[in-house]
N, C-alpha and C. Protein backbone atom coordinates (compact mmCIF):
# COMPACT_ATOMS: atom_id res chain seq x y z
N UNK A 1 -31.55 8.24 -10.90
CA UNK A 1 -29.98 7.44 -11.10
C UNK A 1 -29.74 6.44 -9.80
N UNK A 2 -28.88 5.75 -10.47
CA UNK A 2 -28.86 4.93 -9.46
C UNK A 2 -28.28 4.98 -8.27
N UNK A 3 -28.36 4.28 -6.86
CA UNK A 3 -27.78 4.30 -5.39
C UNK A 3 -25.90 3.42 -5.51
N UNK A 4 -25.75 3.22 -6.87
CA UNK A 4 -24.35 2.04 -6.51
C UNK A 4 -23.68 3.23 -6.79
N UNK A 5 -22.31 3.48 -6.44
CA UNK A 5 -21.11 3.88 -6.76
C UNK A 5 -20.43 3.45 -8.10
N UNK A 6 -19.99 3.97 -8.86
CA UNK A 6 -19.19 3.77 -10.33
C UNK A 6 -18.08 3.47 -10.12
N UNK A 7 -17.78 2.45 -10.27
CA UNK A 7 -16.24 1.68 -10.35
C UNK A 7 -15.08 2.69 -11.94
N UNK A 8 -16.03 3.59 -12.17
CA UNK A 8 -14.90 4.38 -13.10
C UNK A 8 -14.65 4.97 -12.39
N UNK A 9 -13.02 5.78 -12.04
CA UNK A 9 -12.46 6.95 -12.00
C UNK A 9 -13.03 8.44 -12.07
N UNK A 10 -12.53 9.12 -11.37
CA UNK A 10 -12.82 10.48 -12.00
C UNK A 10 -12.27 10.97 -13.21
N UNK A 11 -13.22 11.75 -14.22
CA UNK A 11 -13.20 12.02 -15.81
C UNK A 11 -11.71 12.45 -15.75
N UNK A 12 -11.38 12.81 -14.87
CA UNK A 12 -9.30 13.89 -15.34
C UNK A 12 -8.39 12.77 -14.32
N UNK A 13 -8.49 11.40 -14.23
CA UNK A 13 -7.80 10.41 -13.37
C UNK A 13 -7.72 9.63 -14.78
N UNK A 14 -6.20 9.53 -14.91
CA UNK A 14 -5.70 8.30 -15.47
C UNK A 14 -5.87 7.04 -14.28
N UNK A 15 -6.17 5.99 -14.98
CA UNK A 15 -6.14 4.78 -13.49
C UNK A 15 -4.91 3.66 -14.03
N UNK A 16 -4.72 2.85 -13.09
CA UNK A 16 -3.34 2.10 -13.33
C UNK A 16 -3.76 0.81 -13.08
N UNK A 17 -3.71 -0.09 -13.56
CA UNK A 17 -3.62 -1.58 -13.38
C UNK A 17 -2.65 -2.49 -13.55
N UNK A 18 -2.23 -3.01 -12.14
CA UNK A 18 -1.26 -4.26 -12.39
C UNK A 18 -2.01 -5.43 -12.46
N UNK A 19 -0.43 -6.56 -13.71
CA UNK A 19 -1.27 -8.26 -13.96
C UNK A 19 -0.25 -8.47 -13.09
N UNK A 20 -0.91 -9.18 -12.12
CA UNK A 20 0.46 -10.43 -11.31
C UNK A 20 0.11 -11.85 -11.44
N UNK A 21 0.96 -12.08 -11.45
CA UNK A 21 1.61 -13.65 -11.77
C UNK A 21 1.86 -14.49 -10.39
N UNK A 22 0.61 -15.32 -10.00
CA UNK A 22 0.59 -16.15 -8.84
C UNK A 22 1.31 -17.46 -8.72
N UNK A 23 1.78 -17.83 -9.80
CA UNK A 23 2.21 -19.29 -10.06
C UNK A 23 1.74 -20.53 -11.20
N UNK A 24 1.05 -21.23 -10.04
CA UNK A 24 0.24 -22.50 -10.59
C UNK A 24 -1.40 -21.86 -10.25
N UNK A 25 -1.60 -21.17 -9.69
CA UNK A 25 -2.80 -20.34 -9.59
C UNK A 25 -3.49 -19.39 -10.68
N UNK A 26 -2.17 -18.69 -11.05
CA UNK A 26 -2.71 -18.16 -13.30
C UNK A 26 -2.72 -16.71 -12.21
N UNK A 27 -2.96 -15.67 -13.25
CA UNK A 27 -2.61 -14.32 -13.50
C UNK A 27 -4.00 -13.68 -12.91
N UNK A 28 -3.78 -12.66 -12.55
CA UNK A 28 -5.32 -11.78 -12.17
C UNK A 28 -4.76 -10.33 -12.25
N UNK A 29 -5.77 -9.57 -12.71
CA UNK A 29 -5.63 -8.21 -12.35
C UNK A 29 -5.45 -7.90 -10.85
N UNK A 30 -5.14 -7.64 -10.21
CA UNK A 30 -4.97 -6.71 -8.71
C UNK A 30 -5.91 -5.73 -8.83
N UNK A 31 -7.02 -5.98 -7.56
CA UNK A 31 -8.07 -5.11 -6.95
C UNK A 31 -6.88 -4.49 -6.48
N UNK A 32 -7.89 -3.25 -6.79
CA UNK A 32 -7.12 -1.83 -6.26
C UNK A 32 -7.96 -0.77 -5.91
N UNK A 33 -8.13 -0.15 -4.61
CA UNK A 33 -8.57 1.27 -4.11
C UNK A 33 -8.85 2.25 -5.16
N UNK A 34 -9.24 3.11 -6.19
CA UNK A 34 -9.40 3.87 -6.87
C UNK A 34 -8.20 5.03 -6.47
N UNK A 35 -8.46 5.42 -4.87
CA UNK A 35 -7.40 6.27 -4.37
C UNK A 35 -5.55 5.97 -4.89
N UNK A 36 -5.59 4.17 -4.87
CA UNK A 36 -4.12 3.79 -4.64
C UNK A 36 -4.26 3.33 -6.44
N UNK A 37 -5.14 3.99 -7.38
CA UNK A 37 -5.05 3.44 -8.90
C UNK A 37 -3.85 4.57 -9.82
N UNK A 38 -3.33 5.57 -8.93
CA UNK A 38 -2.36 6.11 -9.93
C UNK A 38 -0.96 6.30 -9.96
N UNK A 39 -0.46 6.36 -11.14
CA UNK A 39 1.27 5.78 -12.02
C UNK A 39 2.35 5.80 -10.43
N UNK A 40 1.44 6.72 -9.37
CA UNK A 40 2.95 7.00 -8.34
C UNK A 40 2.96 6.14 -7.54
N UNK A 41 1.08 6.06 -7.42
CA UNK A 41 1.07 4.77 -5.88
C UNK A 41 1.32 3.10 -6.67
N UNK A 42 0.81 3.50 -7.90
CA UNK A 42 0.94 1.50 -8.62
C UNK A 42 2.72 1.71 -8.27
N UNK A 43 3.56 2.94 -8.63
CA UNK A 43 4.79 2.26 -8.18
C UNK A 43 5.62 2.44 -7.25
N UNK A 44 5.43 3.35 -5.90
CA UNK A 44 5.48 3.16 -4.71
C UNK A 44 4.49 1.07 -4.29
N UNK A 45 3.57 1.02 -4.32
CA UNK A 45 3.30 0.10 -3.85
C UNK A 45 4.19 -1.09 -4.31
N UNK A 46 4.65 -0.83 -6.34
CA UNK A 46 5.57 -1.97 -6.92
C UNK A 46 6.98 -2.19 -5.98
N UNK A 47 7.26 -1.02 -5.56
CA UNK A 47 8.32 -1.17 -4.46
C UNK A 47 8.89 -1.77 -3.32
N UNK A 48 7.28 -1.39 -2.27
CA UNK A 48 7.16 -1.88 -1.33
C UNK A 48 6.45 -3.45 -1.48
N UNK A 49 7.17 -3.71 -2.12
CA UNK A 49 6.46 -5.43 -2.57
C UNK A 49 5.02 -5.87 -2.16
N UNK A 50 4.00 -4.99 -3.10
CA UNK A 50 2.72 -5.04 -2.79
C UNK A 50 2.09 -6.14 -3.93
N UNK A 51 2.98 -6.69 -4.57
CA UNK A 51 2.79 -7.20 -5.98
C UNK A 51 3.57 -8.48 -5.75
N UNK A 52 3.03 -9.62 -5.84
CA UNK A 52 3.73 -11.22 -6.09
C UNK A 52 5.19 -11.46 -6.89
N UNK A 53 4.29 -10.96 -8.33
CA UNK A 53 5.01 -11.02 -9.58
C UNK A 53 4.51 -10.50 -10.64
N UNK A 54 4.87 -9.32 -10.58
CA UNK A 54 4.21 -8.30 -11.54
C UNK A 54 4.81 -8.33 -12.61
N UNK A 55 3.58 -8.42 -13.94
CA UNK A 55 3.71 -8.99 -15.32
C UNK A 55 3.93 -7.87 -16.36
N UNK A 56 2.57 -6.76 -16.29
CA UNK A 56 2.28 -5.56 -16.76
C UNK A 56 1.19 -4.77 -16.19
N UNK A 57 1.45 -3.55 -16.59
CA UNK A 57 0.81 -2.50 -16.13
C UNK A 57 0.22 -2.05 -17.16
N UNK A 58 -1.24 -1.92 -16.72
CA UNK A 58 -1.95 -1.23 -17.90
C UNK A 58 -2.37 0.17 -17.72
N UNK A 59 -2.53 1.36 -18.12
CA UNK A 59 -2.99 2.82 -17.84
C UNK A 59 -4.19 2.98 -19.00
N UNK A 60 -4.98 3.78 -18.50
CA UNK A 60 -6.56 4.19 -19.09
C UNK A 60 -6.83 5.39 -18.51
N UNK A 61 -7.44 6.29 -19.64
CA UNK A 61 -8.57 7.55 -18.95
C UNK A 61 -9.45 7.19 -19.84
N UNK A 62 -10.66 7.39 -19.30
CA UNK A 62 -11.68 7.38 -20.12
C UNK A 62 -12.27 8.65 -20.70
N UNK A 63 -12.44 9.88 -20.07
CA UNK A 63 -12.31 10.73 -20.44
C UNK A 63 -11.74 11.53 -21.55
N UNK A 64 -10.12 11.07 -21.79
CA UNK A 64 -9.54 11.18 -22.92
C UNK A 64 -9.24 9.78 -23.48
N UNK A 65 -10.45 9.12 -23.53
CA UNK A 65 -10.39 7.82 -24.34
C UNK A 65 -8.87 7.14 -24.93
N UNK A 66 -7.85 6.89 -23.81
CA UNK A 66 -6.89 6.23 -24.27
C UNK A 66 -6.85 4.80 -23.41
N UNK A 67 -6.06 3.80 -24.02
CA UNK A 67 -5.44 2.82 -23.08
C UNK A 67 -4.62 2.39 -23.65
N UNK A 68 -3.34 1.88 -22.54
CA UNK A 68 -2.33 1.38 -22.97
C UNK A 68 -1.37 0.65 -22.52
N UNK A 69 -0.29 -0.04 -22.79
CA UNK A 69 0.52 -1.29 -21.77
C UNK A 69 1.56 -0.17 -21.14
N UNK A 70 1.68 0.18 -20.08
CA UNK A 70 2.58 1.28 -20.05
C UNK A 70 3.59 0.18 -18.62
N UNK A 71 3.54 -1.05 -19.12
CA UNK A 71 4.65 -1.31 -18.31
C UNK A 71 6.48 -1.12 -18.87
N UNK A 72 6.76 -0.89 -19.99
CA UNK A 72 8.23 -0.31 -20.24
C UNK A 72 8.43 1.02 -19.29
N UNK A 73 7.12 1.89 -19.27
CA UNK A 73 7.20 3.05 -18.77
C UNK A 73 7.59 2.68 -17.33
N UNK A 74 6.73 2.27 -16.41
CA UNK A 74 6.63 2.42 -15.51
C UNK A 74 8.12 1.28 -14.72
N UNK A 75 8.53 0.38 -15.81
CA UNK A 75 9.88 -0.38 -15.18
C UNK A 75 10.98 0.42 -15.25
N UNK A 76 11.00 1.56 -16.19
CA UNK A 76 11.99 2.42 -16.24
C UNK A 76 11.94 3.32 -15.10
N UNK A 77 10.59 3.57 -15.02
CA UNK A 77 10.64 4.56 -13.93
C UNK A 77 10.73 3.63 -12.37
N UNK A 78 10.75 2.40 -12.02
CA UNK A 78 10.65 1.86 -10.89
C UNK A 78 12.71 2.05 -10.91
N UNK A 79 13.21 1.37 -11.95
CA UNK A 79 14.68 1.48 -12.33
C UNK A 79 14.92 2.71 -11.82
N UNK A 80 14.56 3.92 -11.89
CA UNK A 80 15.24 5.81 -12.18
C UNK A 80 15.17 5.48 -10.10
N UNK A 81 13.72 5.48 -9.47
CA UNK A 81 13.68 5.73 -8.43
C UNK A 81 14.71 5.07 -7.66
N UNK A 82 14.73 3.65 -7.67
CA UNK A 82 16.43 2.84 -7.39
C UNK A 82 17.12 3.23 -7.13
N UNK A 83 17.89 4.11 -7.96
CA UNK A 83 18.88 4.21 -8.45
C UNK A 83 19.56 5.98 -7.70
N UNK A 84 17.92 6.69 -8.00
CA UNK A 84 17.85 8.21 -7.29
C UNK A 84 17.69 7.73 -5.67
N UNK A 85 17.28 7.05 -5.28
CA UNK A 85 17.54 6.80 -3.62
C UNK A 85 18.54 5.46 -3.27
N UNK A 86 19.73 5.23 -4.29
CA UNK A 86 20.67 4.77 -3.77
C UNK A 86 20.65 3.28 -3.49
N UNK A 87 19.61 2.77 -3.80
CA UNK A 87 18.98 1.16 -3.66
C UNK A 87 18.92 0.94 -4.84
N UNK A 88 19.17 -0.88 -4.07
CA UNK A 88 19.18 -1.58 -5.00
C UNK A 88 17.99 -2.06 -5.63
N UNK A 89 17.97 -2.90 -7.21
CA UNK A 89 16.19 -3.02 -7.49
C UNK A 89 15.33 -4.10 -6.67
N UNK A 90 14.85 -4.23 -6.33
CA UNK A 90 14.31 -5.33 -5.14
C UNK A 90 14.05 -6.26 -5.95
N UNK A 91 14.14 -7.81 -5.49
CA UNK A 91 14.48 -8.87 -5.75
C UNK A 91 13.42 -9.66 -6.61
N UNK A 92 11.92 -8.64 -6.35
CA UNK A 92 10.78 -9.25 -6.46
C UNK A 92 10.06 -8.49 -8.02
N UNK A 93 10.67 -7.57 -7.50
CA UNK A 93 10.62 -6.76 -9.39
C UNK A 93 12.23 -7.33 -10.72
N UNK A 94 12.80 -7.67 -9.98
CA UNK A 94 13.95 -8.22 -11.48
C UNK A 94 13.52 -8.07 -12.47
N UNK A 95 12.65 -9.62 -11.92
CA UNK A 95 12.11 -10.16 -13.76
C UNK A 95 10.87 -9.22 -14.37
N UNK A 96 10.37 -8.49 -13.85
CA UNK A 96 9.62 -7.38 -14.56
C UNK A 96 10.83 -6.20 -15.19
N UNK A 97 11.20 -5.78 -14.26
CA UNK A 97 12.03 -4.14 -14.77
C UNK A 97 12.75 -4.83 -16.13
N UNK A 98 13.74 -5.86 -15.61
CA UNK A 98 14.60 -6.40 -17.11
C UNK A 98 14.13 -7.34 -18.33
N UNK A 99 12.59 -8.11 -17.61
CA UNK A 99 11.89 -8.38 -19.47
C UNK A 99 11.41 -7.43 -20.05
N UNK A 100 11.26 -6.33 -19.18
CA UNK A 100 10.27 -5.05 -19.98
C UNK A 100 11.69 -3.79 -20.66
N UNK A 101 13.00 -4.22 -19.92
CA UNK A 101 13.84 -3.36 -20.96
C UNK A 101 14.67 -4.03 -21.19
N UNK A 102 14.19 -5.98 -21.69
CA UNK A 102 14.42 -5.80 -22.72
C UNK A 102 13.83 -6.21 -24.05
N UNK A 103 12.43 -6.13 -23.76
CA UNK A 103 11.62 -5.83 -25.05
C UNK A 103 11.91 -4.45 -25.47
N UNK A 104 12.02 -3.60 -24.83
CA UNK A 104 11.97 -2.06 -24.85
C UNK A 104 13.46 -2.04 -26.23
N UNK A 105 14.44 -2.61 -26.03
CA UNK A 105 15.88 -2.72 -26.65
C UNK A 105 15.31 -3.65 -27.58
N UNK A 106 14.47 -4.62 -27.52
CA UNK A 106 14.42 -5.34 -28.71
C UNK A 106 13.38 -4.24 -30.04
N UNK A 107 12.63 -4.25 -29.43
CA UNK A 107 11.49 -2.83 -29.94
C UNK A 107 12.81 -1.86 -30.82
N UNK A 108 13.29 -1.14 -30.05
CA UNK A 108 14.16 -0.04 -30.60
C UNK A 108 15.23 -0.65 -31.71
N UNK A 109 15.87 -1.88 -31.98
CA UNK A 109 16.52 -2.57 -32.32
C UNK A 109 15.71 -2.72 -33.80
N UNK A 110 14.46 -3.45 -33.52
CA UNK A 110 13.57 -3.77 -34.80
C UNK A 110 13.55 -1.80 -35.67
N UNK A 111 13.47 -0.94 -35.24
CA UNK A 111 13.21 0.09 -35.56
C UNK A 111 14.09 0.56 -36.31
N UNK A 112 15.33 -0.34 -36.31
CA UNK A 112 16.73 0.68 -36.75
C UNK A 112 16.58 0.09 -38.53
């Protein structure tokens, strides 16, 4: 067995990563400590302005065998937390939340 630690999180943990847009220099999946790659921590970090211009959030769980774009869900949760806390949606999250709300609305309209 190798002495190198695994980059794969624990079997029972969902992992979440944020695609951040850095403008002219491009987009990158942000490096995230395993302990901060939870759904709750990603939402807290989004609200705390830890990302420049979030574009997408993916979630995966190796043990359960799933991976999906959870951007719409995260955008909804960010909006809800702001409402629950009686605060405005932070300016750095406006585009992310509004674009995913529009996409969710477009998909709902198409399914009718």
